[in-house]
């Protein structure tokens, strides 16, 4: 079983691709994902378009979200991905 517990474990070309794949795998639109992370929709969009870099703070928020989801649902969000 493939287990992801950290944003950086998603092996793709760059952070923007990781974010898009993760958000789509979660079946969340930009608004929903931004709300879950406590950031603005425009910030999500700018990161996905590579207009703004990812900060360690944003990666930490994503990692916290992944841990919380795993605890709630008892499985890895990206299992089988």
N, C-alpha and C. Protein backbone atom coordinates (compact mmCIF):
# COMPACT_ATOMS: atom_id res chain seq x y z
N UNK A 1 0.84 -1.19 0.00
CA UNK A 1 0.00 0.00 0.00
C UNK A 1 0.88 1.24 0.00
N UNK A 2 0.53 2.20 -0.82
CA UNK A 2 1.25 3.46 -0.94
C UNK A 2 0.75 4.41 0.14
N UNK A 3 1.64 4.89 0.98
CA UNK A 3 1.24 5.78 2.06
C UNK A 3 1.94 7.12 1.91
N UNK A 4 1.17 8.18 1.92
CA UNK A 4 1.71 9.52 1.86
C UNK A 4 1.37 10.23 3.15
N UNK A 5 2.39 10.70 3.84
CA UNK A 5 2.17 11.45 5.07
C UNK A 5 2.76 12.84 4.99
N UNK A 6 3.33 13.18 3.85
CA UNK A 6 3.95 14.48 3.67
C UNK A 6 3.78 14.96 2.24
N UNK A 7 3.58 16.24 2.08
CA UNK A 7 3.41 16.85 0.76
C UNK A 7 4.58 16.54 -0.15
N UNK A 8 5.79 16.56 0.37
CA UNK A 8 6.98 16.33 -0.44
C UNK A 8 7.12 14.90 -0.94
N UNK A 9 6.36 13.97 -0.37
CA UNK A 9 6.42 12.57 -0.81
C UNK A 9 5.70 12.35 -2.13
N UNK A 10 4.88 13.30 -2.54
CA UNK A 10 4.19 13.19 -3.82
C UNK A 10 5.21 13.52 -4.90
N UNK A 11 5.62 12.51 -5.65
CA UNK A 11 6.71 12.67 -6.61
C UNK A 11 6.19 13.11 -7.97
N UNK A 12 6.29 14.38 -8.22
CA UNK A 12 5.94 14.97 -9.51
C UNK A 12 6.99 16.02 -9.84
N UNK A 13 6.81 16.70 -10.94
CA UNK A 13 7.80 17.67 -11.39
C UNK A 13 8.07 18.81 -10.44
N UNK A 14 7.02 19.37 -9.84
CA UNK A 14 7.22 20.52 -8.97
C UNK A 14 6.06 20.65 -7.98
N UNK A 15 6.18 21.64 -7.11
CA UNK A 15 5.17 21.83 -6.07
C UNK A 15 3.80 22.18 -6.64
N UNK A 16 3.76 22.95 -7.72
CA UNK A 16 2.48 23.32 -8.32
C UNK A 16 1.74 22.07 -8.82
N UNK A 17 2.46 21.17 -9.48
CA UNK A 17 1.85 19.93 -9.95
C UNK A 17 1.36 19.09 -8.77
N UNK A 18 2.16 19.02 -7.72
CA UNK A 18 1.75 18.26 -6.53
C UNK A 18 0.45 18.81 -5.95
N UNK A 19 0.37 20.13 -5.87
CA UNK A 19 -0.81 20.76 -5.30
C UNK A 19 -2.05 20.47 -6.14
N UNK A 20 -1.93 20.59 -7.44
CA UNK A 20 -3.07 20.35 -8.32
C UNK A 20 -3.53 18.90 -8.22
N UNK A 21 -2.60 17.96 -8.28
CA UNK A 21 -2.95 16.54 -8.20
C UNK A 21 -3.59 16.22 -6.85
N UNK A 22 -3.00 16.74 -5.79
CA UNK A 22 -3.55 16.49 -4.45
C UNK A 22 -4.96 17.03 -4.34
N UNK A 23 -5.18 18.27 -4.76
CA UNK A 23 -6.49 18.89 -4.65
C UNK A 23 -7.53 18.13 -5.47
N UNK A 24 -7.15 17.72 -6.67
CA UNK A 24 -8.09 16.98 -7.52
C UNK A 24 -8.38 15.59 -6.95
N UNK A 25 -7.36 14.96 -6.39
CA UNK A 25 -7.54 13.64 -5.77
C UNK A 25 -8.51 13.72 -4.58
N UNK A 26 -8.48 14.87 -3.91
CA UNK A 26 -9.38 15.10 -2.78
C UNK A 26 -10.79 15.51 -3.23
N UNK A 27 -10.96 15.70 -4.54
CA UNK A 27 -12.23 16.17 -5.10
C UNK A 27 -12.65 17.51 -4.51
N UNK A 28 -11.67 18.40 -4.35
CA UNK A 28 -11.94 19.73 -3.83
C UNK A 28 -11.63 20.77 -4.90
N UNK A 29 -12.47 21.80 -4.96
CA UNK A 29 -12.13 22.91 -5.84
C UNK A 29 -11.19 23.85 -5.08
N UNK A 30 -10.71 24.87 -5.75
CA UNK A 30 -9.76 25.77 -5.11
C UNK A 30 -10.35 26.43 -3.87
N UNK A 31 -11.61 26.83 -3.94
CA UNK A 31 -12.26 27.46 -2.79
C UNK A 31 -12.31 26.52 -1.59
N UNK A 32 -12.75 25.29 -1.82
CA UNK A 32 -12.86 24.32 -0.73
C UNK A 32 -11.50 24.01 -0.11
N UNK A 33 -10.48 23.82 -0.95
CA UNK A 33 -9.16 23.48 -0.44
C UNK A 33 -8.56 24.66 0.33
N UNK A 34 -8.74 25.86 -0.20
CA UNK A 34 -8.25 27.06 0.49
C UNK A 34 -8.90 27.18 1.86
N UNK A 35 -10.20 26.91 1.93
CA UNK A 35 -10.91 26.99 3.21
C UNK A 35 -10.35 25.96 4.19
N UNK A 36 -10.10 24.75 3.74
CA UNK A 36 -9.53 23.70 4.60
C UNK A 36 -8.16 24.09 5.14
N UNK A 37 -7.38 24.80 4.31
CA UNK A 37 -6.02 25.18 4.70
C UNK A 37 -5.97 26.51 5.44
N UNK A 38 -7.08 27.26 5.39
CA UNK A 38 -7.10 28.56 6.05
C UNK A 38 -6.34 29.64 5.29
N UNK A 39 -6.36 29.53 3.97
CA UNK A 39 -5.70 30.53 3.13
C UNK A 39 -6.67 31.00 2.06
N UNK A 40 -6.30 32.02 1.31
CA UNK A 40 -7.21 32.57 0.31
C UNK A 40 -7.22 31.74 -0.98
N UNK A 41 -8.33 31.84 -1.67
CA UNK A 41 -8.48 31.15 -2.95
C UNK A 41 -7.46 31.69 -3.95
N UNK A 42 -7.25 32.98 -3.94
CA UNK A 42 -6.30 33.56 -4.89
C UNK A 42 -4.89 33.05 -4.64
N UNK A 43 -4.55 32.79 -3.39
CA UNK A 43 -3.22 32.27 -3.07
C UNK A 43 -3.06 30.86 -3.64
N UNK A 44 -4.09 30.03 -3.49
CA UNK A 44 -4.06 28.67 -4.08
C UNK A 44 -3.84 28.78 -5.59
N UNK A 45 -4.62 29.63 -6.24
CA UNK A 45 -4.50 29.80 -7.68
C UNK A 45 -3.12 30.27 -8.11
N UNK A 46 -2.57 31.21 -7.37
CA UNK A 46 -1.24 31.72 -7.70
C UNK A 46 -0.17 30.66 -7.52
N UNK A 47 -0.30 29.82 -6.51
CA UNK A 47 0.66 28.73 -6.33
C UNK A 47 0.52 27.71 -7.45
N UNK A 48 -0.71 27.38 -7.83
CA UNK A 48 -0.93 26.40 -8.90
C UNK A 48 -0.39 26.91 -10.24
N UNK A 49 -0.44 28.21 -10.45
CA UNK A 49 0.07 28.80 -11.70
C UNK A 49 1.56 29.16 -11.59
N UNK A 50 2.15 28.81 -10.48
CA UNK A 50 3.57 29.08 -10.21
C UNK A 50 3.90 30.56 -10.20
N UNK A 51 2.92 31.38 -9.82
CA UNK A 51 3.15 32.82 -9.69
C UNK A 51 3.73 33.16 -8.32
N UNK A 52 3.46 32.31 -7.35
CA UNK A 52 4.01 32.47 -6.00
C UNK A 52 4.65 31.16 -5.58
N UNK A 53 5.76 31.25 -4.86
CA UNK A 53 6.41 30.03 -4.38
C UNK A 53 5.69 29.46 -3.16
N UNK A 54 5.95 28.20 -2.89
CA UNK A 54 5.42 27.57 -1.68
C UNK A 54 6.33 27.94 -0.52
N UNK A 55 5.73 28.35 0.56
CA UNK A 55 6.52 28.63 1.76
C UNK A 55 6.51 27.39 2.64
N UNK A 56 7.47 27.28 3.54
CA UNK A 56 7.45 26.16 4.49
C UNK A 56 6.15 26.16 5.31
N UNK A 57 5.60 27.35 5.55
CA UNK A 57 4.35 27.47 6.31
C UNK A 57 3.18 26.80 5.56
N UNK A 58 3.10 27.02 4.26
CA UNK A 58 2.03 26.41 3.46
C UNK A 58 2.20 24.90 3.40
N UNK A 59 3.43 24.44 3.19
CA UNK A 59 3.66 22.99 3.18
C UNK A 59 3.28 22.38 4.52
N UNK A 60 3.55 23.07 5.62
CA UNK A 60 3.17 22.58 6.95
C UNK A 60 1.66 22.49 7.06
N UNK A 61 0.94 23.49 6.54
CA UNK A 61 -0.53 23.45 6.58
C UNK A 61 -1.07 22.26 5.79
N UNK A 62 -0.48 21.99 4.63
CA UNK A 62 -0.91 20.85 3.81
C UNK A 62 -0.62 19.55 4.54
N UNK A 63 0.56 19.44 5.15
CA UNK A 63 0.91 18.23 5.89
C UNK A 63 -0.02 18.01 7.07
N UNK A 64 -0.39 19.08 7.78
CA UNK A 64 -1.35 18.98 8.88
C UNK A 64 -2.70 18.49 8.37
N UNK A 65 -3.13 19.02 7.23
CA UNK A 65 -4.39 18.60 6.63
C UNK A 65 -4.36 17.12 6.28
N UNK A 66 -3.25 16.66 5.66
CA UNK A 66 -3.12 15.25 5.30
C UNK A 66 -3.17 14.35 6.53
N UNK A 67 -2.50 14.73 7.59
CA UNK A 67 -2.53 13.95 8.83
C UNK A 67 -3.93 13.89 9.41
N UNK A 68 -4.60 15.05 9.43
CA UNK A 68 -5.96 15.13 9.98
C UNK A 68 -6.91 14.24 9.18
N UNK A 69 -6.81 14.28 7.87
CA UNK A 69 -7.67 13.45 7.03
C UNK A 69 -7.40 11.96 7.25
N UNK A 70 -6.14 11.61 7.40
CA UNK A 70 -5.80 10.20 7.64
C UNK A 70 -6.36 9.73 8.98
N UNK A 71 -6.27 10.59 10.00
CA UNK A 71 -6.82 10.24 11.31
C UNK A 71 -8.34 10.11 11.26
N UNK A 72 -9.00 10.99 10.54
CA UNK A 72 -10.46 10.96 10.45
C UNK A 72 -10.98 9.75 9.69
N UNK A 73 -10.33 9.44 8.58
CA UNK A 73 -10.84 8.40 7.70
C UNK A 73 -10.08 7.09 7.77
N UNK A 74 -8.98 7.07 8.53
CA UNK A 74 -8.24 5.83 8.75
C UNK A 74 -7.53 5.28 7.53
N UNK A 75 -7.39 6.09 6.51
CA UNK A 75 -6.66 5.63 5.33
C UNK A 75 -5.95 6.81 4.69
N UNK A 76 -4.99 6.47 3.89
CA UNK A 76 -4.21 7.47 3.18
C UNK A 76 -5.04 8.04 2.04
N UNK A 77 -5.06 9.34 1.93
CA UNK A 77 -5.82 10.01 0.88
C UNK A 77 -5.37 9.58 -0.51
N UNK A 78 -4.08 9.37 -0.67
CA UNK A 78 -3.55 9.06 -1.99
C UNK A 78 -3.26 7.58 -2.19
N UNK A 79 -3.82 6.72 -1.36
CA UNK A 79 -3.57 5.30 -1.55
C UNK A 79 -4.10 4.87 -2.91
N UNK A 80 -3.31 4.07 -3.58
CA UNK A 80 -3.68 3.62 -4.91
C UNK A 80 -3.41 4.63 -5.99
N UNK A 81 -2.77 5.72 -5.65
CA UNK A 81 -2.48 6.79 -6.60
C UNK A 81 -1.21 6.53 -7.33
